[in-house]
Amino acid sequence: MSAARPRLVLGSGSPRRRELLAQIGVIPDEIRAPEIDEAPLAGELPRAYCARVTRDKAAATPCRPGEIVLAADTTVALGRRILGKPENRDDARGFLDALSGRRHRVITAVAVRTPERLWLRDSVSTVRMKRLSDADIERYLDSGDWRGKAGGYAIQGPAASFIPWISGSHSAIVGLPLAETAVLLEAAGYDVREGWT
């Protein structure tokens, strides 16, 4: 008989991450969303920033013996510029104006932690956004879908109509790279396949 699977704690309040985990049969036993400072450091590059924030989220989420913590962060990068979550409608408009007609990167890092060890991987995808008219942007802003979304948009919502091309992991762009997540969970002793039946 196999050993009991560890309890899985999701260090994120994101409903999107819960939905993505459910796609691979993983249901967290508990949600413990940490509060951390997500402000970039001076001169910090997007990929390093995303990894640091993810590591900080994992470290800030209590992890008891017999538990595994899963944490993640998604960052939108336009060159060296980090486009975080817009604070208001004007912020979101500025992000969409900047992304319009251009390619950008979406970086999602995932960390899995036991009381003894931390594993971290990231996934970098490239996304092309079509050229947006003022009407496109205002209608999207009216939807409210931009709230709480890195870069001011979500590929799984109405803004999917703005994205003709991606290269990389769709699930990572939504908020969690499922292939990488499964590898890290298995490394930490959590059998993902148990949830398939």
N, C-alpha and C. Protein backbone atom coordinates (compact mmCIF):
# COMPACT_ATOMS: atom_id res chain seq x y z
N MET A 1 0.84 -1.19 0.00
CA MET A 1 0.00 0.00 0.00
C MET A 1 0.88 1.25 0.00
N SER A 2 0.56 2.22 -0.87
CA SER A 2 1.39 3.41 -0.97
C SER A 2 1.16 4.34 0.22
N ALA A 3 2.18 5.13 0.51
CA ALA A 3 2.07 6.09 1.62
C ALA A 3 1.01 7.13 1.28
N ALA A 4 0.43 7.70 2.32
CA ALA A 4 -0.61 8.73 2.12
C ALA A 4 0.01 9.93 1.41
N ARG A 5 -0.74 10.48 0.50
CA ARG A 5 -0.28 11.66 -0.23
C ARG A 5 -0.23 12.83 0.74
N PRO A 6 0.81 13.66 0.69
CA PRO A 6 0.88 14.83 1.58
C PRO A 6 -0.31 15.76 1.35
N ARG A 7 -0.64 16.57 2.35
CA ARG A 7 -1.68 17.60 2.19
C ARG A 7 -1.10 18.71 1.32
N LEU A 8 -1.91 19.18 0.38
CA LEU A 8 -1.46 20.25 -0.51
C LEU A 8 -2.09 21.57 -0.10
N VAL A 9 -1.23 22.55 0.16
CA VAL A 9 -1.67 23.90 0.52
C VAL A 9 -1.38 24.81 -0.67
N LEU A 10 -2.40 25.49 -1.18
CA LEU A 10 -2.20 26.45 -2.27
C LEU A 10 -1.96 27.82 -1.68
N GLY A 11 -0.75 28.34 -1.90
CA GLY A 11 -0.40 29.67 -1.40
C GLY A 11 -0.82 30.74 -2.39
N SER A 12 -2.11 30.75 -2.74
CA SER A 12 -2.64 31.70 -3.71
C SER A 12 -4.15 31.75 -3.57
N GLY A 13 -4.71 32.95 -3.63
CA GLY A 13 -6.16 33.09 -3.60
C GLY A 13 -6.77 33.11 -4.99
N SER A 14 -5.96 32.85 -6.02
CA SER A 14 -6.43 32.97 -7.40
C SER A 14 -7.38 31.83 -7.79
N PRO A 15 -8.62 32.16 -8.15
CA PRO A 15 -9.53 31.10 -8.62
C PRO A 15 -9.04 30.47 -9.91
N ARG A 16 -8.30 31.22 -10.73
CA ARG A 16 -7.77 30.66 -11.98
C ARG A 16 -6.78 29.54 -11.70
N ARG A 17 -5.96 29.71 -10.67
CA ARG A 17 -4.98 28.65 -10.36
C ARG A 17 -5.69 27.40 -9.85
N ARG A 18 -6.76 27.57 -9.07
CA ARG A 18 -7.52 26.40 -8.61
C ARG A 18 -8.14 25.66 -9.80
N GLU A 19 -8.68 26.43 -10.75
CA GLU A 19 -9.29 25.81 -11.94
C GLU A 19 -8.25 25.07 -12.78
N LEU A 20 -7.07 25.66 -12.92
CA LEU A 20 -6.01 25.01 -13.68
C LEU A 20 -5.55 23.72 -13.01
N LEU A 21 -5.35 23.76 -11.69
CA LEU A 21 -4.96 22.54 -10.97
C LEU A 21 -6.00 21.44 -11.15
N ALA A 22 -7.28 21.82 -11.12
CA ALA A 22 -8.36 20.83 -11.27
C ALA A 22 -8.27 20.12 -12.63
N GLN A 23 -7.75 20.81 -13.65
CA GLN A 23 -7.60 20.19 -14.97
C GLN A 23 -6.71 18.96 -14.92
N ILE A 24 -5.72 18.95 -14.01
CA ILE A 24 -4.83 17.79 -13.90
C ILE A 24 -5.17 16.94 -12.67
N GLY A 25 -6.37 17.13 -12.15
CA GLY A 25 -6.85 16.28 -11.06
C GLY A 25 -6.30 16.63 -9.69
N VAL A 26 -5.79 17.85 -9.53
CA VAL A 26 -5.21 18.27 -8.25
C VAL A 26 -6.16 19.25 -7.57
N ILE A 27 -6.64 18.87 -6.39
CA ILE A 27 -7.53 19.73 -5.60
C ILE A 27 -6.80 20.06 -4.29
N PRO A 28 -6.46 21.33 -4.06
CA PRO A 28 -5.76 21.67 -2.81
C PRO A 28 -6.60 21.31 -1.58
N ASP A 29 -5.92 20.89 -0.52
CA ASP A 29 -6.61 20.60 0.74
C ASP A 29 -6.94 21.87 1.49
N GLU A 30 -6.17 22.92 1.22
CA GLU A 30 -6.37 24.18 1.93
C GLU A 30 -5.80 25.33 1.11
N ILE A 31 -6.40 26.51 1.26
CA ILE A 31 -5.89 27.73 0.63
C ILE A 31 -5.33 28.61 1.74
N ARG A 32 -4.08 29.02 1.59
CA ARG A 32 -3.47 29.98 2.52
C ARG A 32 -2.78 31.06 1.68
N ALA A 33 -3.52 32.07 1.32
CA ALA A 33 -2.96 33.11 0.46
C ALA A 33 -2.10 34.06 1.29
N PRO A 34 -0.79 34.15 0.98
CA PRO A 34 0.08 35.02 1.78
C PRO A 34 -0.04 36.47 1.35
N GLU A 35 0.29 37.36 2.27
CA GLU A 35 0.37 38.79 1.96
C GLU A 35 1.85 39.15 1.89
N ILE A 36 2.33 39.52 0.71
CA ILE A 36 3.73 39.93 0.58
C ILE A 36 3.80 41.23 -0.23
N ASP A 37 4.93 41.89 -0.14
CA ASP A 37 5.17 43.10 -0.93
C ASP A 37 5.62 42.66 -2.32
N GLU A 38 4.82 42.99 -3.35
CA GLU A 38 5.14 42.57 -4.71
C GLU A 38 5.81 43.68 -5.53
N ALA A 39 6.24 44.75 -4.88
CA ALA A 39 6.88 45.85 -5.62
C ALA A 39 8.24 45.39 -6.16
N PRO A 40 8.51 45.69 -7.44
CA PRO A 40 9.83 45.34 -7.99
C PRO A 40 10.94 46.12 -7.30
N LEU A 41 12.11 45.51 -7.22
CA LEU A 41 13.29 46.20 -6.70
C LEU A 41 13.88 47.07 -7.80
N ALA A 42 14.63 48.07 -7.43
CA ALA A 42 15.24 48.97 -8.41
C ALA A 42 16.10 48.18 -9.39
N GLY A 43 15.83 48.34 -10.68
CA GLY A 43 16.63 47.68 -11.71
C GLY A 43 16.36 46.20 -11.88
N GLU A 44 15.38 45.65 -11.17
CA GLU A 44 15.11 44.21 -11.24
C GLU A 44 14.49 43.84 -12.60
N LEU A 45 15.02 42.80 -13.21
CA LEU A 45 14.50 42.34 -14.50
C LEU A 45 13.29 41.43 -14.30
N PRO A 46 12.41 41.36 -15.31
CA PRO A 46 11.14 40.65 -15.12
C PRO A 46 11.26 39.19 -14.66
N ARG A 47 12.16 38.43 -15.28
CA ARG A 47 12.25 37.00 -14.92
C ARG A 47 12.76 36.82 -13.48
N ALA A 48 13.76 37.59 -13.10
CA ALA A 48 14.28 37.53 -11.73
C ALA A 48 13.23 38.00 -10.74
N TYR A 49 12.49 39.04 -11.11
CA TYR A 49 11.41 39.55 -10.26
C TYR A 49 10.36 38.47 -10.01
N CYS A 50 9.93 37.82 -11.07
CA CYS A 50 8.88 36.80 -10.96
C CYS A 50 9.33 35.64 -10.07
N ALA A 51 10.58 35.20 -10.24
CA ALA A 51 11.11 34.12 -9.41
C ALA A 51 11.18 34.54 -7.95
N ARG A 52 11.64 35.77 -7.70
CA ARG A 52 11.76 36.25 -6.31
C ARG A 52 10.39 36.32 -5.63
N VAL A 53 9.41 36.89 -6.32
CA VAL A 53 8.07 37.02 -5.73
C VAL A 53 7.48 35.65 -5.44
N THR A 54 7.68 34.70 -6.35
CA THR A 54 7.16 33.35 -6.16
C THR A 54 7.82 32.69 -4.94
N ARG A 55 9.15 32.85 -4.85
CA ARG A 55 9.88 32.29 -3.70
C ARG A 55 9.38 32.93 -2.40
N ASP A 56 9.16 34.25 -2.43
CA ASP A 56 8.67 34.96 -1.24
C ASP A 56 7.27 34.47 -0.85
N LYS A 57 6.40 34.24 -1.85
CA LYS A 57 5.05 33.74 -1.56
C LYS A 57 5.12 32.36 -0.90
N ALA A 58 5.98 31.49 -1.44
CA ALA A 58 6.12 30.14 -0.88
C ALA A 58 6.66 30.21 0.55
N ALA A 59 7.65 31.08 0.78
CA ALA A 59 8.25 31.21 2.11
C ALA A 59 7.27 31.79 3.12
N ALA A 60 6.37 32.67 2.65
CA ALA A 60 5.42 33.33 3.55
C ALA A 60 4.19 32.48 3.85
N THR A 61 4.06 31.35 3.18
CA THR A 61 2.91 30.46 3.40
C THR A 61 3.32 29.38 4.40
N PRO A 62 2.66 29.31 5.56
CA PRO A 62 3.05 28.29 6.54
C PRO A 62 3.00 26.89 5.94
N CYS A 63 4.02 26.08 6.26
CA CYS A 63 4.12 24.71 5.75
C CYS A 63 4.50 23.79 6.91
N ARG A 64 3.55 22.96 7.32
CA ARG A 64 3.76 22.07 8.46
C ARG A 64 4.23 20.69 7.98
N PRO A 65 4.76 19.88 8.88
CA PRO A 65 5.16 18.52 8.48
C PRO A 65 3.98 17.78 7.84
N GLY A 66 4.26 17.06 6.76
CA GLY A 66 3.20 16.33 6.05
C GLY A 66 2.44 17.20 5.05
N GLU A 67 2.91 18.45 4.85
CA GLU A 67 2.26 19.36 3.91
C GLU A 67 3.23 19.77 2.81
N ILE A 68 2.65 20.15 1.67
CA ILE A 68 3.38 20.74 0.55
C ILE A 68 2.69 22.06 0.23
N VAL A 69 3.47 23.11 0.06
CA VAL A 69 2.93 24.41 -0.34
C VAL A 69 3.23 24.62 -1.82
N LEU A 70 2.24 25.10 -2.55
CA LEU A 70 2.39 25.46 -3.96
C LEU A 70 2.10 26.95 -4.10
N ALA A 71 3.04 27.70 -4.68
CA ALA A 71 2.85 29.14 -4.89
C ALA A 71 3.29 29.48 -6.31
N ALA A 72 2.75 30.57 -6.84
CA ALA A 72 3.10 30.97 -8.21
C ALA A 72 2.92 32.48 -8.36
N ASP A 73 3.55 33.01 -9.40
CA ASP A 73 3.36 34.41 -9.76
C ASP A 73 3.47 34.55 -11.27
N THR A 74 2.65 35.42 -11.82
CA THR A 74 2.67 35.70 -13.26
C THR A 74 3.03 37.16 -13.48
N THR A 75 3.97 37.38 -14.38
CA THR A 75 4.46 38.72 -14.68
C THR A 75 4.39 38.94 -16.19
N VAL A 76 3.92 40.10 -16.59
CA VAL A 76 3.93 40.49 -18.00
C VAL A 76 5.11 41.44 -18.22
N ALA A 77 5.93 41.12 -19.22
CA ALA A 77 7.13 41.90 -19.47
C ALA A 77 7.12 42.45 -20.90
N LEU A 78 7.31 43.75 -20.99
CA LEU A 78 7.45 44.42 -22.29
C LEU A 78 8.90 44.90 -22.34
N GLY A 79 9.74 44.12 -23.00
CA GLY A 79 11.18 44.37 -22.92
C GLY A 79 11.63 44.15 -21.48
N ARG A 80 12.29 45.16 -20.91
CA ARG A 80 12.75 45.06 -19.52
C ARG A 80 11.71 45.61 -18.54
N ARG A 81 10.60 46.12 -19.07
CA ARG A 81 9.58 46.75 -18.23
C ARG A 81 8.61 45.70 -17.67
N ILE A 82 8.37 45.77 -16.37
CA ILE A 82 7.42 44.88 -15.69
C ILE A 82 6.05 45.55 -15.67
N LEU A 83 5.05 44.88 -16.25
CA LEU A 83 3.68 45.38 -16.20
C LEU A 83 2.93 44.56 -15.16
N GLY A 84 2.77 45.12 -13.98
CA GLY A 84 2.10 44.40 -12.90
C GLY A 84 0.59 44.50 -13.01
N LYS A 85 -0.07 44.41 -11.87
CA LYS A 85 -1.53 44.54 -11.85
C LYS A 85 -1.88 46.03 -11.85
N PRO A 86 -2.71 46.47 -12.77
CA PRO A 86 -3.04 47.89 -12.82
C PRO A 86 -3.78 48.34 -11.56
N GLU A 87 -3.45 49.54 -11.09
CA GLU A 87 -4.09 50.06 -9.89
C GLU A 87 -5.47 50.64 -10.19
N ASN A 88 -5.67 51.06 -11.45
CA ASN A 88 -6.94 51.68 -11.81
C ASN A 88 -7.13 51.60 -13.32
N ARG A 89 -8.23 52.14 -13.79
CA ARG A 89 -8.56 52.07 -15.21
C ARG A 89 -7.50 52.77 -16.08
N ASP A 90 -7.00 53.91 -15.62
CA ASP A 90 -5.99 54.63 -16.40
C ASP A 90 -4.71 53.80 -16.54
N ASP A 91 -4.32 53.14 -15.47
CA ASP A 91 -3.17 52.23 -15.50
C ASP A 91 -3.38 51.15 -16.55
N ALA A 92 -4.56 50.51 -16.50
CA ALA A 92 -4.87 49.42 -17.43
C ALA A 92 -4.86 49.93 -18.86
N ARG A 93 -5.41 51.12 -19.09
CA ARG A 93 -5.41 51.70 -20.44
C ARG A 93 -3.96 51.89 -20.93
N GLY A 94 -3.11 52.39 -20.06
CA GLY A 94 -1.70 52.59 -20.42
C GLY A 94 -1.02 51.29 -20.80
N PHE A 95 -1.30 50.22 -20.04
CA PHE A 95 -0.71 48.91 -20.35
C PHE A 95 -1.19 48.43 -21.72
N LEU A 96 -2.50 48.51 -21.98
CA LEU A 96 -3.04 48.01 -23.24
C LEU A 96 -2.52 48.84 -24.42
N ASP A 97 -2.40 50.14 -24.23
CA ASP A 97 -1.81 51.00 -25.27
C ASP A 97 -0.38 50.54 -25.59
N ALA A 98 0.38 50.24 -24.54
CA ALA A 98 1.78 49.83 -24.72
C ALA A 98 1.88 48.47 -25.40
N LEU A 99 0.94 47.54 -25.09
CA LEU A 99 0.98 46.18 -25.64
C LEU A 99 0.40 46.10 -27.04
N SER A 100 -0.43 47.07 -27.41
CA SER A 100 -1.14 47.05 -28.70
C SER A 100 -0.19 46.90 -29.88
N GLY A 101 -0.45 45.87 -30.70
CA GLY A 101 0.33 45.65 -31.91
C GLY A 101 1.74 45.12 -31.69
N ARG A 102 2.04 44.68 -30.47
CA ARG A 102 3.41 44.25 -30.15
C ARG A 102 3.43 42.86 -29.52
N ARG A 103 4.61 42.29 -29.52
CA ARG A 103 4.83 41.04 -28.80
C ARG A 103 5.34 41.37 -27.40
N HIS A 104 4.96 40.54 -26.44
CA HIS A 104 5.48 40.68 -25.08
C HIS A 104 5.65 39.29 -24.50
N ARG A 105 6.30 39.23 -23.35
CA ARG A 105 6.51 37.94 -22.68
C ARG A 105 5.61 37.85 -21.46
N VAL A 106 5.14 36.64 -21.22
CA VAL A 106 4.42 36.33 -19.98
C VAL A 106 5.26 35.29 -19.24
N ILE A 107 5.69 35.64 -18.05
CA ILE A 107 6.55 34.76 -17.25
C ILE A 107 5.72 34.29 -16.06
N THR A 108 5.63 32.99 -15.88
CA THR A 108 4.99 32.46 -14.67
C THR A 108 5.98 31.53 -13.98
N ALA A 109 6.27 31.84 -12.74
CA ALA A 109 7.13 30.98 -11.92
C ALA A 109 6.25 30.21 -10.95
N VAL A 110 6.67 28.98 -10.65
CA VAL A 110 5.94 28.15 -9.70
C VAL A 110 6.94 27.58 -8.70
N ALA A 111 6.56 27.59 -7.44
CA ALA A 111 7.40 27.03 -6.38
C ALA A 111 6.61 25.99 -5.61
N VAL A 112 7.28 24.92 -5.25
CA VAL A 112 6.71 23.88 -4.39
C VAL A 112 7.66 23.74 -3.21
N ARG A 113 7.07 23.74 -2.02
CA ARG A 113 7.90 23.74 -0.80
C ARG A 113 7.40 22.71 0.20
N THR A 114 8.33 21.99 0.79
CA THR A 114 8.06 21.18 1.97
C THR A 114 8.75 21.89 3.14
N PRO A 115 8.58 21.42 4.38
CA PRO A 115 9.32 22.08 5.48
C PRO A 115 10.84 22.03 5.29
N GLU A 116 11.33 21.07 4.46
CA GLU A 116 12.77 20.89 4.32
C GLU A 116 13.36 21.52 3.06
N ARG A 117 12.56 21.70 2.03
CA ARG A 117 13.15 22.04 0.73
C ARG A 117 12.19 22.84 -0.14
N LEU A 118 12.77 23.63 -1.07
CA LEU A 118 11.96 24.39 -2.03
C LEU A 118 12.44 24.08 -3.45
N TRP A 119 11.48 23.85 -4.35
CA TRP A 119 11.75 23.66 -5.78
C TRP A 119 11.13 24.84 -6.53
N LEU A 120 11.79 25.33 -7.57
CA LEU A 120 11.27 26.48 -8.32
C LEU A 120 11.57 26.29 -9.81
N ARG A 121 10.56 26.54 -10.64
CA ARG A 121 10.76 26.55 -12.09
C ARG A 121 9.95 27.71 -12.66
N ASP A 122 10.33 28.13 -13.87
CA ASP A 122 9.50 29.14 -14.52
C ASP A 122 9.23 28.76 -15.96
N SER A 123 8.26 29.43 -16.53
CA SER A 123 7.85 29.21 -17.91
C SER A 123 7.74 30.59 -18.56
N VAL A 124 8.37 30.75 -19.72
CA VAL A 124 8.35 32.03 -20.42
C VAL A 124 7.64 31.82 -21.76
N SER A 125 6.56 32.53 -21.98
CA SER A 125 5.81 32.44 -23.22
C SER A 125 5.84 33.80 -23.92
N THR A 126 5.68 33.78 -25.22
CA THR A 126 5.61 35.02 -26.00
C THR A 126 4.19 35.17 -26.53
N VAL A 127 3.66 36.36 -26.41
CA VAL A 127 2.27 36.64 -26.80
C VAL A 127 2.27 37.83 -27.75
N ARG A 128 1.51 37.72 -28.84
CA ARG A 128 1.34 38.87 -29.73
C ARG A 128 -0.07 39.41 -29.57
N MET A 129 -0.17 40.69 -29.34
CA MET A 129 -1.47 41.34 -29.24
C MET A 129 -1.72 42.12 -30.53
N LYS A 130 -2.91 42.00 -31.07
CA LYS A 130 -3.22 42.75 -32.30
C LYS A 130 -3.22 44.25 -32.00
N ARG A 131 -3.22 45.05 -33.05
CA ARG A 131 -3.31 46.49 -32.86
C ARG A 131 -4.72 46.81 -32.37
N LEU A 132 -4.80 47.48 -31.24
CA LEU A 132 -6.09 47.76 -30.62
C LEU A 132 -6.55 49.18 -30.96
N SER A 133 -7.82 49.31 -31.30
CA SER A 133 -8.39 50.64 -31.48
C SER A 133 -8.77 51.21 -30.11
N ASP A 134 -9.00 52.51 -30.06
CA ASP A 134 -9.46 53.11 -28.81
C ASP A 134 -10.76 52.46 -28.36
N ALA A 135 -11.63 52.13 -29.32
CA ALA A 135 -12.92 51.50 -28.99
C ALA A 135 -12.70 50.11 -28.38
N ASP A 136 -11.74 49.34 -28.94
CA ASP A 136 -11.41 48.02 -28.37
C ASP A 136 -11.02 48.16 -26.91
N ILE A 137 -10.12 49.12 -26.65
CA ILE A 137 -9.60 49.29 -25.29
C ILE A 137 -10.70 49.74 -24.34
N GLU A 138 -11.49 50.72 -24.74
CA GLU A 138 -12.53 51.23 -23.84
C GLU A 138 -13.59 50.18 -23.55
N ARG A 139 -13.97 49.42 -24.57
CA ARG A 139 -14.97 48.36 -24.36
C ARG A 139 -14.43 47.30 -23.40
N TYR A 140 -13.15 46.94 -23.57
CA TYR A 140 -12.55 45.96 -22.67
C TYR A 140 -12.47 46.52 -21.24
N LEU A 141 -12.08 47.76 -21.11
CA LEU A 141 -12.01 48.37 -19.78
C LEU A 141 -13.39 48.38 -19.13
N ASP A 142 -14.42 48.63 -19.93
CA ASP A 142 -15.80 48.62 -19.40
C ASP A 142 -16.17 47.26 -18.83
N SER A 143 -15.58 46.19 -19.37
CA SER A 143 -15.92 44.82 -18.92
C SER A 143 -15.44 44.57 -17.49
N GLY A 144 -14.41 45.32 -17.05
CA GLY A 144 -13.84 45.10 -15.72
C GLY A 144 -12.92 43.89 -15.63
N ASP A 145 -12.75 43.17 -16.75
CA ASP A 145 -11.96 41.93 -16.73
C ASP A 145 -10.48 42.20 -16.44
N TRP A 146 -10.02 43.44 -16.60
CA TRP A 146 -8.62 43.79 -16.40
C TRP A 146 -8.21 43.84 -14.93
N ARG A 147 -9.19 43.93 -14.04
CA ARG A 147 -8.88 44.10 -12.61
C ARG A 147 -8.12 42.89 -12.06
N GLY A 148 -7.01 43.19 -11.36
CA GLY A 148 -6.24 42.13 -10.71
C GLY A 148 -5.45 41.26 -11.66
N LYS A 149 -5.31 41.70 -12.93
CA LYS A 149 -4.61 40.88 -13.93
C LYS A 149 -3.27 41.53 -14.30
N ALA A 150 -2.20 40.77 -14.24
CA ALA A 150 -0.89 41.28 -14.66
C ALA A 150 -0.98 41.73 -16.11
N GLY A 151 -0.43 42.91 -16.38
CA GLY A 151 -0.47 43.45 -17.73
C GLY A 151 -1.80 44.06 -18.11
N GLY A 152 -2.79 43.97 -17.22
CA GLY A 152 -4.09 44.58 -17.48
C GLY A 152 -5.01 43.79 -18.39
N TYR A 153 -4.72 42.49 -18.58
CA TYR A 153 -5.63 41.66 -19.39
C TYR A 153 -5.52 40.20 -18.97
N ALA A 154 -6.52 39.42 -19.38
CA ALA A 154 -6.49 37.98 -19.13
C ALA A 154 -6.78 37.26 -20.44
N ILE A 155 -5.91 36.32 -20.82
CA ILE A 155 -6.07 35.63 -22.09
C ILE A 155 -7.30 34.72 -22.10
N GLN A 156 -7.77 34.33 -20.91
CA GLN A 156 -8.92 33.43 -20.85
C GLN A 156 -10.26 34.17 -20.81
N GLY A 157 -10.22 35.50 -20.91
CA GLY A 157 -11.45 36.28 -20.90
C GLY A 157 -11.69 36.93 -22.25
N PRO A 158 -12.44 38.04 -22.27
CA PRO A 158 -12.73 38.73 -23.53
C PRO A 158 -11.48 39.12 -24.31
N ALA A 159 -10.36 39.37 -23.60
CA ALA A 159 -9.13 39.78 -24.29
C ALA A 159 -8.55 38.67 -25.16
N ALA A 160 -9.09 37.46 -25.07
CA ALA A 160 -8.66 36.39 -25.99
C ALA A 160 -8.84 36.83 -27.44
N SER A 161 -9.81 37.71 -27.68
CA SER A 161 -10.06 38.20 -29.04
C SER A 161 -8.96 39.15 -29.52
N PHE A 162 -8.07 39.55 -28.60
CA PHE A 162 -6.96 40.44 -28.96
C PHE A 162 -5.68 39.66 -29.29
N ILE A 163 -5.67 38.35 -29.07
CA ILE A 163 -4.42 37.56 -29.10
C ILE A 163 -4.45 36.57 -30.28
N PRO A 164 -3.86 36.94 -31.42
CA PRO A 164 -3.88 36.03 -32.56
C PRO A 164 -2.80 34.94 -32.50
N TRP A 165 -1.80 35.11 -31.61
CA TRP A 165 -0.66 34.18 -31.65
C TRP A 165 0.03 34.13 -30.29
N ILE A 166 0.37 32.90 -29.89
CA ILE A 166 1.23 32.73 -28.71
C ILE A 166 2.29 31.68 -29.03
N SER A 167 3.40 31.74 -28.34
CA SER A 167 4.40 30.68 -28.39
C SER A 167 4.75 30.35 -26.95
N GLY A 168 4.45 29.12 -26.54
CA GLY A 168 4.72 28.74 -25.16
C GLY A 168 3.56 27.99 -24.55
N SER A 169 3.35 28.17 -23.27
CA SER A 169 2.36 27.43 -22.50
C SER A 169 1.12 28.27 -22.25
N HIS A 170 -0.02 27.82 -22.80
CA HIS A 170 -1.27 28.57 -22.58
C HIS A 170 -1.61 28.60 -21.09
N SER A 171 -1.45 27.45 -20.39
CA SER A 171 -1.82 27.43 -18.96
C SER A 171 -0.93 28.37 -18.15
N ALA A 172 0.34 28.53 -18.56
CA ALA A 172 1.24 29.45 -17.85
C ALA A 172 0.79 30.89 -18.06
N ILE A 173 0.31 31.20 -19.26
CA ILE A 173 -0.17 32.56 -19.53
C ILE A 173 -1.40 32.85 -18.67
N VAL A 174 -2.25 31.83 -18.48
CA VAL A 174 -3.43 32.00 -17.62
C VAL A 174 -3.01 32.16 -16.16
N GLY A 175 -1.93 31.46 -15.75
CA GLY A 175 -1.48 31.65 -14.37
C GLY A 175 -0.76 30.50 -13.71
N LEU A 176 -0.60 29.35 -14.42
CA LEU A 176 0.11 28.23 -13.80
C LEU A 176 0.58 27.27 -14.90
N PRO A 177 1.90 27.08 -15.07
CA PRO A 177 2.38 26.14 -16.08
C PRO A 177 2.16 24.70 -15.59
N LEU A 178 1.18 24.02 -16.15
CA LEU A 178 0.75 22.73 -15.58
C LEU A 178 1.81 21.64 -15.72
N ALA A 179 2.53 21.59 -16.83
CA ALA A 179 3.56 20.55 -16.99
C ALA A 179 4.64 20.72 -15.93
N GLU A 180 5.13 21.95 -15.76
CA GLU A 180 6.17 22.22 -14.77
C GLU A 180 5.65 21.98 -13.34
N THR A 181 4.40 22.37 -13.09
CA THR A 181 3.80 22.19 -11.77
C THR A 181 3.73 20.71 -11.41
N ALA A 182 3.30 19.89 -12.36
CA ALA A 182 3.21 18.44 -12.10
C ALA A 182 4.57 17.85 -11.78
N VAL A 183 5.61 18.27 -12.51
CA VAL A 183 6.97 17.78 -12.25
C VAL A 183 7.42 18.13 -10.83
N LEU A 184 7.17 19.38 -10.41
CA LEU A 184 7.60 19.81 -9.08
C LEU A 184 6.82 19.09 -7.98
N LEU A 185 5.51 18.91 -8.17
CA LEU A 185 4.71 18.20 -7.17
C LEU A 185 5.21 16.76 -7.01
N GLU A 186 5.48 16.11 -8.14
CA GLU A 186 6.00 14.72 -8.08
C GLU A 186 7.35 14.69 -7.35
N ALA A 187 8.21 15.68 -7.63
CA ALA A 187 9.53 15.74 -6.97
C ALA A 187 9.38 15.85 -5.46
N ALA A 188 8.31 16.54 -5.02
CA ALA A 188 8.08 16.74 -3.58
C ALA A 188 7.31 15.59 -2.95
N GLY A 189 6.98 14.55 -3.73
CA GLY A 189 6.31 13.38 -3.18
C GLY A 189 4.80 13.39 -3.28
N TYR A 190 4.26 14.24 -4.16
CA TYR A 190 2.80 14.33 -4.34
C TYR A 190 2.46 13.70 -5.68
N ASP A 191 1.75 12.56 -5.64
CA ASP A 191 1.42 11.82 -6.86
C ASP A 191 0.22 12.46 -7.55
N VAL A 192 0.50 13.21 -8.60
CA VAL A 192 -0.56 13.92 -9.34
C VAL A 192 -1.56 12.92 -9.93
N ARG A 193 -1.10 11.74 -10.35
CA ARG A 193 -1.97 10.79 -11.05
C ARG A 193 -3.06 10.20 -10.16
N GLU A 194 -2.87 10.31 -8.84
CA GLU A 194 -3.94 9.81 -7.93
C GLU A 194 -5.26 10.50 -8.18
N GLY A 195 -5.21 11.74 -8.65
CA GLY A 195 -6.45 12.49 -8.88
C GLY A 195 -7.10 12.22 -10.23
N TRP A 196 -6.52 11.31 -11.03
CA TRP A 196 -7.05 11.06 -12.36
C TRP A 196 -8.19 10.06 -12.38
N THR A 197 -8.40 9.35 -11.27
CA THR A 197 -9.45 8.30 -11.28
C THR A 197 -10.58 8.67 -10.38
